[in-house]
Amino acid sequence: MMTGINFIDTIVVRHSLERGTTSEDRPVMPAEFMGKETRKTNDDRLKLAGNLMIMSAKGTKKIRLSDLETPTLPADFKGHYVTTGRGTGRVRL
């Protein structure tokens, strides 16, 4: 019988502390900056902000938070292009 190993728990990273004078080894923590919880938290913060005016276009234009469009992803990525390299090439999906 084989048992699985969670490799995330076994990977250890050295973190610098106190202006780089000390360090400690601890396991890798998952980054959740693009998850559903983060999106929900950001939406809740926007609702708490109300209908504030924000500056855009180098500070020359004012936009209300309620007028901002929410970005949406297409249902199918087929036919779209993805840039490669340093922005010089592209690949069609």
PDB file of N, CA and C in Angstrom:
ATOM      1  N   MET A   1       0.846  -1.177   0.000  1.00  0.00           N
ATOM      2  CA  MET A   1       0.000   0.000   0.000  1.00  0.00           C
ATOM      3  C   MET A   1       0.891   1.239   0.000  1.00  0.00           C
ATOM      4  N   MET A   2       0.600   2.161  -0.899  1.00  0.00           N
ATOM      5  CA  MET A   2       1.394   3.388  -0.975  1.00  0.00           C
ATOM      6  C   MET A   2       0.638   4.535  -0.314  1.00  0.00           C
ATOM      7  N   THR A   3       1.364   5.370   0.342  1.00  0.00           N
ATOM      8  CA  THR A   3       0.760   6.558   0.930  1.00  0.00           C
ATOM      9  C   THR A   3       1.345   7.772   0.236  1.00  0.00           C
ATOM     10  N   GLY A   4       0.526   8.790   0.097  1.00  0.00           N
ATOM     11  CA  GLY A   4       0.969  10.003  -0.581  1.00  0.00           C
ATOM     12  C   GLY A   4       1.706  10.931   0.356  1.00  0.00           C
ATOM     13  N   ILE A   5       2.639  11.672  -0.206  1.00  0.00           N
ATOM     14  CA  ILE A   5       3.399  12.651   0.557  1.00  0.00           C
ATOM     15  C   ILE A   5       3.028  14.028   0.044  1.00  0.00           C
ATOM     16  N   ASN A   6       2.718  14.905   0.935  1.00  0.00           N
ATOM     17  CA  ASN A   6       2.422  16.272   0.552  1.00  0.00           C
ATOM     18  C   ASN A   6       3.748  17.026   0.485  1.00  0.00           C
ATOM     19  N   PHE A   7       4.238  17.256  -0.738  1.00  0.00           N
ATOM     20  CA  PHE A   7       5.549  17.863  -0.905  1.00  0.00           C
ATOM     21  C   PHE A   7       5.585  19.330  -0.498  1.00  0.00           C
ATOM     22  N   ILE A   8       4.427  19.967  -0.411  1.00  0.00           N
ATOM     23  CA  ILE A   8       4.410  21.368   0.027  1.00  0.00           C
ATOM     24  C   ILE A   8       4.905  21.468   1.458  1.00  0.00           C
ATOM     25  N   ASP A   9       4.558  20.468   2.288  1.00  0.00           N
ATOM     26  CA  ASP A   9       4.993  20.479   3.685  1.00  0.00           C
ATOM     27  C   ASP A   9       6.471  20.160   3.820  1.00  0.00           C
ATOM     28  N   THR A  10       7.051  19.463   2.839  1.00  0.00           N
ATOM     29  CA  THR A  10       8.439  19.056   2.956  1.00  0.00           C
ATOM     30  C   THR A  10       9.416  20.093   2.405  1.00  0.00           C
ATOM     31  N   ILE A  11       8.952  21.021   1.580  1.00  0.00           N
ATOM     32  CA  ILE A  11       9.835  22.049   1.029  1.00  0.00           C
ATOM     33  C   ILE A  11      10.054  23.129   2.085  1.00  0.00           C
ATOM     34  N   VAL A  12      11.306  23.406   2.378  1.00  0.00           N
ATOM     35  CA  VAL A  12      11.652  24.383   3.403  1.00  0.00           C
ATOM     36  C   VAL A  12      12.367  25.547   2.738  1.00  0.00           C
ATOM     37  N   VAL A  13      11.975  26.758   3.112  1.00  0.00           N
ATOM     38  CA  VAL A  13      12.548  27.977   2.544  1.00  0.00           C
ATOM     39  C   VAL A  13      13.161  28.792   3.667  1.00  0.00           C
ATOM     40  N   ARG A  14      14.291  29.414   3.396  1.00  0.00           N
ATOM     41  CA  ARG A  14      14.948  30.261   4.390  1.00  0.00           C
ATOM     42  C   ARG A  14      14.436  31.691   4.228  1.00  0.00           C
ATOM     43  N   HIS A  15      13.881  32.256   5.290  1.00  0.00           N
ATOM     44  CA  HIS A  15      13.351  33.615   5.308  1.00  0.00           C
ATOM     45  C   HIS A  15      14.304  34.518   6.086  1.00  0.00           C
ATOM     46  N   SER A  16      14.580  35.693   5.537  1.00  0.00           N
ATOM     47  CA  SER A  16      15.421  36.669   6.233  1.00  0.00           C
ATOM     48  C   SER A  16      14.558  37.492   7.181  1.00  0.00           C
ATOM     49  N   LEU A  17      15.082  37.757   8.358  1.00  0.00           N
ATOM     50  CA  LEU A  17      14.374  38.535   9.375  1.00  0.00           C
ATOM     51  C   LEU A  17      15.278  39.651   9.878  1.00  0.00           C
ATOM     52  N   GLU A  18      14.673  40.628  10.491  1.00  0.00           N
ATOM     53  CA  GLU A  18      15.388  41.713  11.171  1.00  0.00           C
ATOM     54  C   GLU A  18      16.474  42.337  10.298  1.00  0.00           C
ATOM     55  N   ARG A  19      16.054  42.916   9.199  1.00  0.00           N
ATOM     56  CA  ARG A  19      16.949  43.617   8.259  1.00  0.00           C
ATOM     57  C   ARG A  19      18.035  42.712   7.692  1.00  0.00           C
ATOM     58  N   GLY A  20      17.749  41.430   7.596  1.00  0.00           N
ATOM     59  CA  GLY A  20      18.689  40.494   6.993  1.00  0.00           C
ATOM     60  C   GLY A  20      19.767  39.977   7.913  1.00  0.00           C
ATOM     61  N   THR A  21      19.710  40.309   9.203  1.00  0.00           N
ATOM     62  CA  THR A  21      20.762  39.856  10.121  1.00  0.00           C
ATOM     63  C   THR A  21      20.515  38.452  10.640  1.00  0.00           C
ATOM     64  N   THR A  22      19.260  38.005  10.667  1.00  0.00           N
ATOM     65  CA  THR A  22      18.938  36.654  11.095  1.00  0.00           C
ATOM     66  C   THR A  22      18.050  36.001  10.051  1.00  0.00           C
ATOM     67  N   SER A  23      17.980  34.684  10.140  1.00  0.00           N
ATOM     68  CA  SER A  23      17.125  33.960   9.200  1.00  0.00           C
ATOM     69  C   SER A  23      16.547  32.744   9.903  1.00  0.00           C
ATOM     70  N   GLU A  24      15.456  32.232   9.330  1.00  0.00           N
ATOM     71  CA  GLU A  24      14.838  31.033   9.867  1.00  0.00           C
ATOM     72  C   GLU A  24      14.354  30.175   8.711  1.00  0.00           C
ATOM     73  N   ASP A  25      14.306  28.882   8.938  1.00  0.00           N
ATOM     74  CA  ASP A  25      13.813  27.938   7.945  1.00  0.00           C
ATOM     75  C   ASP A  25      12.396  27.544   8.326  1.00  0.00           C
ATOM     76  N   ARG A  26      11.461  27.693   7.363  1.00  0.00           N
ATOM     77  CA  ARG A  26      10.094  27.275   7.612  1.00  0.00           C
ATOM     78  C   ARG A  26       9.471  26.764   6.318  1.00  0.00           C
ATOM     79  N   PRO A  27       8.391  25.988   6.405  1.00  0.00           N
ATOM     80  CA  PRO A  27       7.794  25.421   5.196  1.00  0.00           C
ATOM     81  C   PRO A  27       7.161  26.490   4.314  1.00  0.00           C
ATOM     82  N   VAL A  28       7.030  26.168   3.039  1.00  0.00           N
ATOM     83  CA  VAL A  28       6.441  27.081   2.061  1.00  0.00           C
ATOM     84  C   VAL A  28       4.959  27.233   2.365  1.00  0.00           C
ATOM     85  N   MET A  29       4.482  28.467   2.371  1.00  0.00           N
ATOM     86  CA  MET A  29       3.070  28.738   2.589  1.00  0.00           C
ATOM     87  C   MET A  29       2.414  29.033   1.238  1.00  0.00           C
ATOM     88  N   PRO A  30       1.213  28.515   0.980  1.00  0.00           N
ATOM     89  CA  PRO A  30       0.563  28.758  -0.314  1.00  0.00           C
ATOM     90  C   PRO A  30       0.160  30.226  -0.456  1.00  0.00           C
ATOM     91  N   ALA A  31       0.332  30.763  -1.660  1.00  0.00           N
ATOM     92  CA  ALA A  31      -0.047  32.148  -1.946  1.00  0.00           C
ATOM     93  C   ALA A  31      -1.485  32.176  -2.427  1.00  0.00           C
ATOM     94  N   GLU A  32      -2.315  32.969  -1.797  1.00  0.00           N
ATOM     95  CA  GLU A  32      -3.733  33.045  -2.132  1.00  0.00           C
ATOM     96  C   GLU A  32      -4.118  34.423  -2.648  1.00  0.00           C
ATOM     97  N   PHE A  33      -3.249  35.067  -3.415  1.00  0.00           N
ATOM     98  CA  PHE A  33      -3.560  36.426  -3.837  1.00  0.00           C
ATOM     99  C   PHE A  33      -4.451  36.464  -5.075  1.00  0.00           C
ATOM    100  N   MET A  34      -4.727  35.331  -5.713  1.00  0.00           N
ATOM    101  CA  MET A  34      -5.592  35.316  -6.891  1.00  0.00           C
ATOM    102  C   MET A  34      -6.793  34.398  -6.701  1.00  0.00           C
ATOM    103  N   GLY A  35      -7.089  34.008  -5.474  1.00  0.00           N
ATOM    104  CA  GLY A  35      -8.161  33.054  -5.220  1.00  0.00           C
ATOM    105  C   GLY A  35      -9.524  33.714  -5.102  1.00  0.00           C
ATOM    106  N   LYS A  36     -10.528  32.872  -4.898  1.00  0.00           N
ATOM    107  CA  LYS A  36     -11.901  33.358  -4.778  1.00  0.00           C
ATOM    108  C   LYS A  36     -12.101  34.146  -3.490  1.00  0.00           C
ATOM    109  N   GLU A  37     -11.415  33.737  -2.417  1.00  0.00           N
ATOM    110  CA  GLU A  37     -11.561  34.466  -1.150  1.00  0.00           C
ATOM    111  C   GLU A  37     -11.031  35.889  -1.272  1.00  0.00           C
ATOM    112  N   THR A  38      -9.912  36.058  -1.965  1.00  0.00           N
ATOM    113  CA  THR A  38      -9.346  37.390  -2.140  1.00  0.00           C
ATOM    114  C   THR A  38     -10.275  38.262  -2.969  1.00  0.00           C
ATOM    115  N   ARG A  39     -10.864  37.693  -4.009  1.00  0.00           N
ATOM    116  CA  ARG A  39     -11.803  38.451  -4.843  1.00  0.00           C
ATOM    117  C   ARG A  39     -13.011  38.890  -4.026  1.00  0.00           C
ATOM    118  N   LYS A  40     -13.529  37.975  -3.171  1.00  0.00           N
ATOM    119  CA  LYS A  40     -14.677  38.316  -2.336  1.00  0.00           C
ATOM    120  C   LYS A  40     -14.314  39.409  -1.338  1.00  0.00           C
ATOM    121  N   THR A  41     -13.119  39.315  -0.753  1.00  0.00           N
ATOM    122  CA  THR A  41     -12.670  40.328   0.198  1.00  0.00           C
ATOM    123  C   THR A  41     -12.550  41.685  -0.477  1.00  0.00           C
ATOM    124  N   ASN A  42     -11.980  41.722  -1.685  1.00  0.00           N
ATOM    125  CA  ASN A  42     -11.843  42.984  -2.403  1.00  0.00           C
ATOM    126  C   ASN A  42     -13.198  43.570  -2.775  1.00  0.00           C
ATOM    127  N   ASP A  43     -14.152  42.719  -3.178  1.00  0.00           N
ATOM    128  CA  ASP A  43     -15.492  43.203  -3.503  1.00  0.00           C
ATOM    129  C   ASP A  43     -16.176  43.782  -2.263  1.00  0.00           C
ATOM    130  N   ASP A  44     -16.002  43.125  -1.124  1.00  0.00           N
ATOM    131  CA  ASP A  44     -16.585  43.637   0.122  1.00  0.00           C
ATOM    132  C   ASP A  44     -15.983  44.989   0.500  1.00  0.00           C
ATOM    133  N   ARG A  45     -14.677  45.143   0.287  1.00  0.00           N
ATOM    134  CA  ARG A  45     -14.025  46.419   0.604  1.00  0.00           C
ATOM    135  C   ARG A  45     -14.522  47.533  -0.313  1.00  0.00           C
ATOM    136  N   LEU A  46     -14.775  47.208  -1.588  1.00  0.00           N
ATOM    137  CA  LEU A  46     -15.308  48.212  -2.513  1.00  0.00           C
ATOM    138  C   LEU A  46     -16.715  48.634  -2.109  1.00  0.00           C
ATOM    139  N   LYS A  47     -17.514  47.672  -1.621  1.00  0.00           N
ATOM    140  CA  LYS A  47     -18.861  48.016  -1.173  1.00  0.00           C
ATOM    141  C   LYS A  47     -18.804  48.910   0.063  1.00  0.00           C
ATOM    142  N   LEU A  48     -17.849  48.648   0.952  1.00  0.00           N
ATOM    143  CA  LEU A  48     -17.706  49.489   2.133  1.00  0.00           C
ATOM    144  C   LEU A  48     -17.259  50.895   1.779  1.00  0.00           C
ATOM    145  N   ALA A  49     -16.483  51.023   0.702  1.00  0.00           N
ATOM    146  CA  ALA A  49     -15.985  52.342   0.297  1.00  0.00           C
ATOM    147  C   ALA A  49     -17.107  53.231  -0.201  1.00  0.00           C
ATOM    148  N   GLY A  50     -18.206  52.631  -0.645  1.00  0.00           N
ATOM    149  CA  GLY A  50     -19.328  53.433  -1.122  1.00  0.00           C
ATOM    150  C   GLY A  50     -19.081  53.934  -2.526  1.00  0.00           C
ATOM    151  N   ASN A  51     -19.548  55.133  -2.805  1.00  0.00           N
ATOM    152  CA  ASN A  51     -19.467  55.700  -4.141  1.00  0.00           C
ATOM    153  C   ASN A  51     -18.412  56.798  -4.171  1.00  0.00           C
ATOM    154  N   LEU A  52     -17.176  56.437  -3.875  1.00  0.00           N
ATOM    155  CA  LEU A  52     -16.088  57.400  -3.847  1.00  0.00           C
ATOM    156  C   LEU A  52     -15.665  57.793  -5.252  1.00  0.00           C
ATOM    157  N   MET A  53     -15.035  58.940  -5.362  1.00  0.00           N
ATOM    158  CA  MET A  53     -14.446  59.372  -6.626  1.00  0.00           C
ATOM    159  C   MET A  53     -12.965  59.008  -6.583  1.00  0.00           C
ATOM    160  N   ILE A  54     -12.472  58.391  -7.651  1.00  0.00           N
ATOM    161  CA  ILE A  54     -11.056  58.073  -7.745  1.00  0.00           C
ATOM    162  C   ILE A  54     -10.482  58.799  -8.956  1.00  0.00           C
ATOM    163  N   MET A  55      -9.187  59.070  -8.895  1.00  0.00           N
ATOM    164  CA  MET A  55      -8.518  59.782  -9.978  1.00  0.00           C
ATOM    165  C   MET A  55      -7.916  58.766 -10.942  1.00  0.00           C
ATOM    166  N   SER A  56      -7.976  59.072 -12.221  1.00  0.00           N
ATOM    167  CA  SER A  56      -7.360  58.223 -13.224  1.00  0.00           C
ATOM    168  C   SER A  56      -6.763  59.102 -14.315  1.00  0.00           C
ATOM    169  N   ALA A  57      -6.128  58.497 -15.281  1.00  0.00           N
ATOM    170  CA  ALA A  57      -5.534  59.195 -16.423  1.00  0.00           C
ATOM    171  C   ALA A  57      -4.557  60.269 -15.944  1.00  0.00           C
ATOM    172  N   LYS A  58      -3.568  59.846 -15.173  1.00  0.00           N
ATOM    173  CA  LYS A  58      -2.524  60.732 -14.644  1.00  0.00           C
ATOM    174  C   LYS A  58      -3.084  61.834 -13.751  1.00  0.00           C
ATOM    175  N   GLY A  59      -4.206  61.541 -13.094  1.00  0.00           N
ATOM    176  CA  GLY A  59      -4.780  62.488 -12.155  1.00  0.00           C
ATOM    177  C   GLY A  59      -5.592  63.588 -12.797  1.00  0.00           C
ATOM    178  N   THR A  60      -5.967  63.435 -14.059  1.00  0.00           N
ATOM    179  CA  THR A  60      -6.725  64.483 -14.742  1.00  0.00           C
ATOM    180  C   THR A  60      -8.193  64.136 -14.914  1.00  0.00           C
ATOM    181  N   LYS A  61      -8.597  62.947 -14.507  1.00  0.00           N
ATOM    182  CA  LYS A  61      -9.976  62.520 -14.693  1.00  0.00           C
ATOM    183  C   LYS A  61     -10.490  61.864 -13.417  1.00  0.00           C
ATOM    184  N   LYS A  62     -11.758  62.123 -13.063  1.00  0.00           N
ATOM    185  CA  LYS A  62     -12.380  61.516 -11.893  1.00  0.00           C
ATOM    186  C   LYS A  62     -13.404  60.487 -12.343  1.00  0.00           C
ATOM    187  N   ILE A  63     -13.421  59.330 -11.648  1.00  0.00           N
ATOM    188  CA  ILE A  63     -14.380  58.271 -11.950  1.00  0.00           C
ATOM    189  C   ILE A  63     -14.990  57.812 -10.632  1.00  0.00           C
ATOM    190  N   ARG A  64     -16.293  57.573 -10.655  1.00  0.00           N
ATOM    191  CA  ARG A  64     -16.945  57.014  -9.473  1.00  0.00           C
ATOM    192  C   ARG A  64     -16.702  55.512  -9.429  1.00  0.00           C
ATOM    193  N   LEU A  65     -16.552  54.965  -8.206  1.00  0.00           N
ATOM    194  CA  LEU A  65     -16.336  53.529  -8.064  1.00  0.00           C
ATOM    195  C   LEU A  65     -17.500  52.724  -8.620  1.00  0.00           C
ATOM    196  N   SER A  66     -18.712  53.267  -8.545  1.00  0.00           N
ATOM    197  CA  SER A  66     -19.869  52.527  -9.048  1.00  0.00           C
ATOM    198  C   SER A  66     -19.871  52.455 -10.572  1.00  0.00           C
ATOM    199  N   ASP A  67     -19.150  53.350 -11.254  1.00  0.00           N
ATOM    200  CA  ASP A  67     -19.114  53.355 -12.715  1.00  0.00           C
ATOM    201  C   ASP A  67     -18.057  52.414 -13.293  1.00  0.00           C
ATOM    202  N   LEU A  68     -17.155  51.878 -12.450  1.00  0.00           N
ATOM    203  CA  LEU A  68     -16.126  50.986 -12.944  1.00  0.00           C
ATOM    204  C   LEU A  68     -16.726  49.664 -13.389  1.00  0.00           C
ATOM    205  N   GLU A  69     -16.245  49.149 -14.509  1.00  0.00           N
ATOM    206  CA  GLU A  69     -16.717  47.864 -15.001  1.00  0.00           C
ATOM    207  C   GLU A  69     -15.926  46.741 -14.349  1.00  0.00           C
ATOM    208  N   THR A  70     -16.583  45.635 -14.082  1.00  0.00           N
ATOM    209  CA  THR A  70     -15.889  44.477 -13.537  1.00  0.00           C
ATOM    210  C   THR A  70     -15.367  43.643 -14.699  1.00  0.00           C
ATOM    211  N   PRO A  71     -14.108  43.244 -14.661  1.00  0.00           N
ATOM    212  CA  PRO A  71     -13.559  42.457 -15.769  1.00  0.00           C
ATOM    213  C   PRO A  71     -14.168  41.064 -15.797  1.00  0.00           C
ATOM    214  N   THR A  72     -14.413  40.568 -16.998  1.00  0.00           N
ATOM    215  CA  THR A  72     -14.963  39.227 -17.164  1.00  0.00           C
ATOM    216  C   THR A  72     -14.051  38.438 -18.092  1.00  0.00           C
ATOM    217  N   LEU A  73     -14.008  37.149 -17.872  1.00  0.00           N
ATOM    218  CA  LEU A  73     -13.232  36.258 -18.723  1.00  0.00           C
ATOM    219  C   LEU A  73     -14.136  35.680 -19.801  1.00  0.00           C
ATOM    220  N   PRO A  74     -13.612  35.471 -21.004  1.00  0.00           N
ATOM    221  CA  PRO A  74     -14.436  34.844 -22.032  1.00  0.00           C
ATOM    222  C   PRO A  74     -14.721  33.389 -21.683  1.00  0.00           C
ATOM    223  N   ALA A  75     -15.841  32.867 -22.180  1.00  0.00           N
ATOM    224  CA  ALA A  75     -16.205  31.482 -21.887  1.00  0.00           C
ATOM    225  C   ALA A  75     -15.237  30.508 -22.544  1.00  0.00           C
ATOM    226  N   ASP A  76     -14.727  30.861 -23.716  1.00  0.00           N
ATOM    227  CA  ASP A  76     -13.827  29.986 -24.443  1.00  0.00           C
ATOM    228  C   ASP A  76     -12.632  30.805 -24.913  1.00  0.00           C
ATOM    229  N   PHE A  77     -11.426  30.313 -24.655  1.00  0.00           N
ATOM    230  CA  PHE A  77     -10.223  31.034 -25.036  1.00  0.00           C
ATOM    231  C   PHE A  77      -9.757  30.695 -26.449  1.00  0.00           C
ATOM    232  N   LYS A  78     -10.477  29.828 -27.137  1.00  0.00           N
ATOM    233  CA  LYS A  78     -10.071  29.405 -28.463  1.00  0.00           C
ATOM    234  C   LYS A  78     -10.106  30.600 -29.423  1.00  0.00           C
ATOM    235  N   GLY A  79      -9.017  30.771 -30.173  1.00  0.00           N
ATOM    236  CA  GLY A  79      -8.934  31.871 -31.124  1.00  0.00           C
ATOM    237  C   GLY A  79      -8.258  33.103 -30.570  1.00  0.00           C
ATOM    238  N   HIS A  80      -8.001  33.156 -29.270  1.00  0.00           N
ATOM    239  CA  HIS A  80      -7.326  34.297 -28.668  1.00  0.00           C
ATOM    240  C   HIS A  80      -5.812  34.123 -28.788  1.00  0.00           C
ATOM    241  N   TYR A  81      -5.103  35.219 -28.721  1.00  0.00           N
ATOM    242  CA  TYR A  81      -3.648  35.195 -28.806  1.00  0.00           C
ATOM    243  C   TYR A  81      -3.030  35.431 -27.434  1.00  0.00           C
ATOM    244  N   VAL A  82      -1.876  34.806 -27.201  1.00  0.00           N
ATOM    245  CA  VAL A  82      -1.102  34.990 -25.979  1.00  0.00           C
ATOM    246  C   VAL A  82       0.283  35.445 -26.400  1.00  0.00           C
ATOM    247  N   THR A  83       0.776  36.528 -25.806  1.00  0.00           N
ATOM    248  CA  THR A  83       2.105  37.009 -26.156  1.00  0.00           C
ATOM    249  C   THR A  83       3.162  36.130 -25.504  1.00  0.00           C
ATOM    250  N   THR A  84       4.276  35.970 -26.192  1.00  0.00           N
ATOM    251  CA  THR A  84       5.363  35.133 -25.691  1.00  0.00           C
ATOM    252  C   THR A  84       6.653  35.925 -25.700  1.00  0.00           C
ATOM    253  N   GLY A  85       7.656  35.369 -25.073  1.00  0.00           N
ATOM    254  CA  GLY A  85       8.965  36.015 -25.032  1.00  0.00           C
ATOM    255  C   GLY A  85       8.874  37.341 -24.302  1.00  0.00           C
ATOM    256  N   ARG A  86       9.410  38.363 -24.911  1.00  0.00           N
ATOM    257  CA  ARG A  86       9.365  39.709 -24.328  1.00  0.00           C
ATOM    258  C   ARG A  86       8.322  40.568 -25.019  1.00  0.00           C
ATOM    259  N   GLY A  87       7.238  39.921 -25.418  1.00  0.00           N
ATOM    260  CA  GLY A  87       6.174  40.634 -26.087  1.00  0.00           C
ATOM    261  C   GLY A  87       6.372  40.697 -27.593  1.00  0.00           C
ATOM    262  N   THR A  88       7.347  39.986 -28.118  1.00  0.00           N
ATOM    263  CA  THR A  88       7.622  40.059 -29.550  1.00  0.00           C
ATOM    264  C   THR A  88       6.911  38.966 -30.329  1.00  0.00           C
ATOM    265  N   GLY A  89       6.563  37.867 -29.684  1.00  0.00           N
ATOM    266  CA  GLY A  89       5.887  36.775 -30.375  1.00  0.00           C
ATOM    267  C   GLY A  89       4.513  36.539 -29.821  1.00  0.00           C
ATOM    268  N   ARG A  90       3.708  35.784 -30.570  1.00  0.00           N
ATOM    269  CA  ARG A  90       2.392  35.453 -30.065  1.00  0.00           C
ATOM    270  C   ARG A  90       1.982  34.073 -30.561  1.00  0.00           C
ATOM    271  N   VAL A  91       1.141  33.419 -29.750  1.00  0.00           N
ATOM    272  CA  VAL A  91       0.669  32.078 -30.046  1.00  0.00           C
ATOM    273  C   VAL A  91      -0.846  32.099 -29.989  1.00  0.00           C
ATOM    274  N   ARG A  92      -1.464  31.480 -30.972  1.00  0.00           N
ATOM    275  CA  ARG A  92      -2.917  31.410 -30.978  1.00  0.00           C
ATOM    276  C   ARG A  92      -3.383  30.179 -30.215  1.00  0.00           C
ATOM    277  N   LEU A  93      -4.347  30.355 -29.333  1.00  0.00           N
ATOM    278  CA  LEU A  93      -4.869  29.229 -28.548  1.00  0.00           C
ATOM    279  C   LEU A  93      -5.916  28.468 -29.317  1.00  0.00           C
TER     280      LEU A  93
END
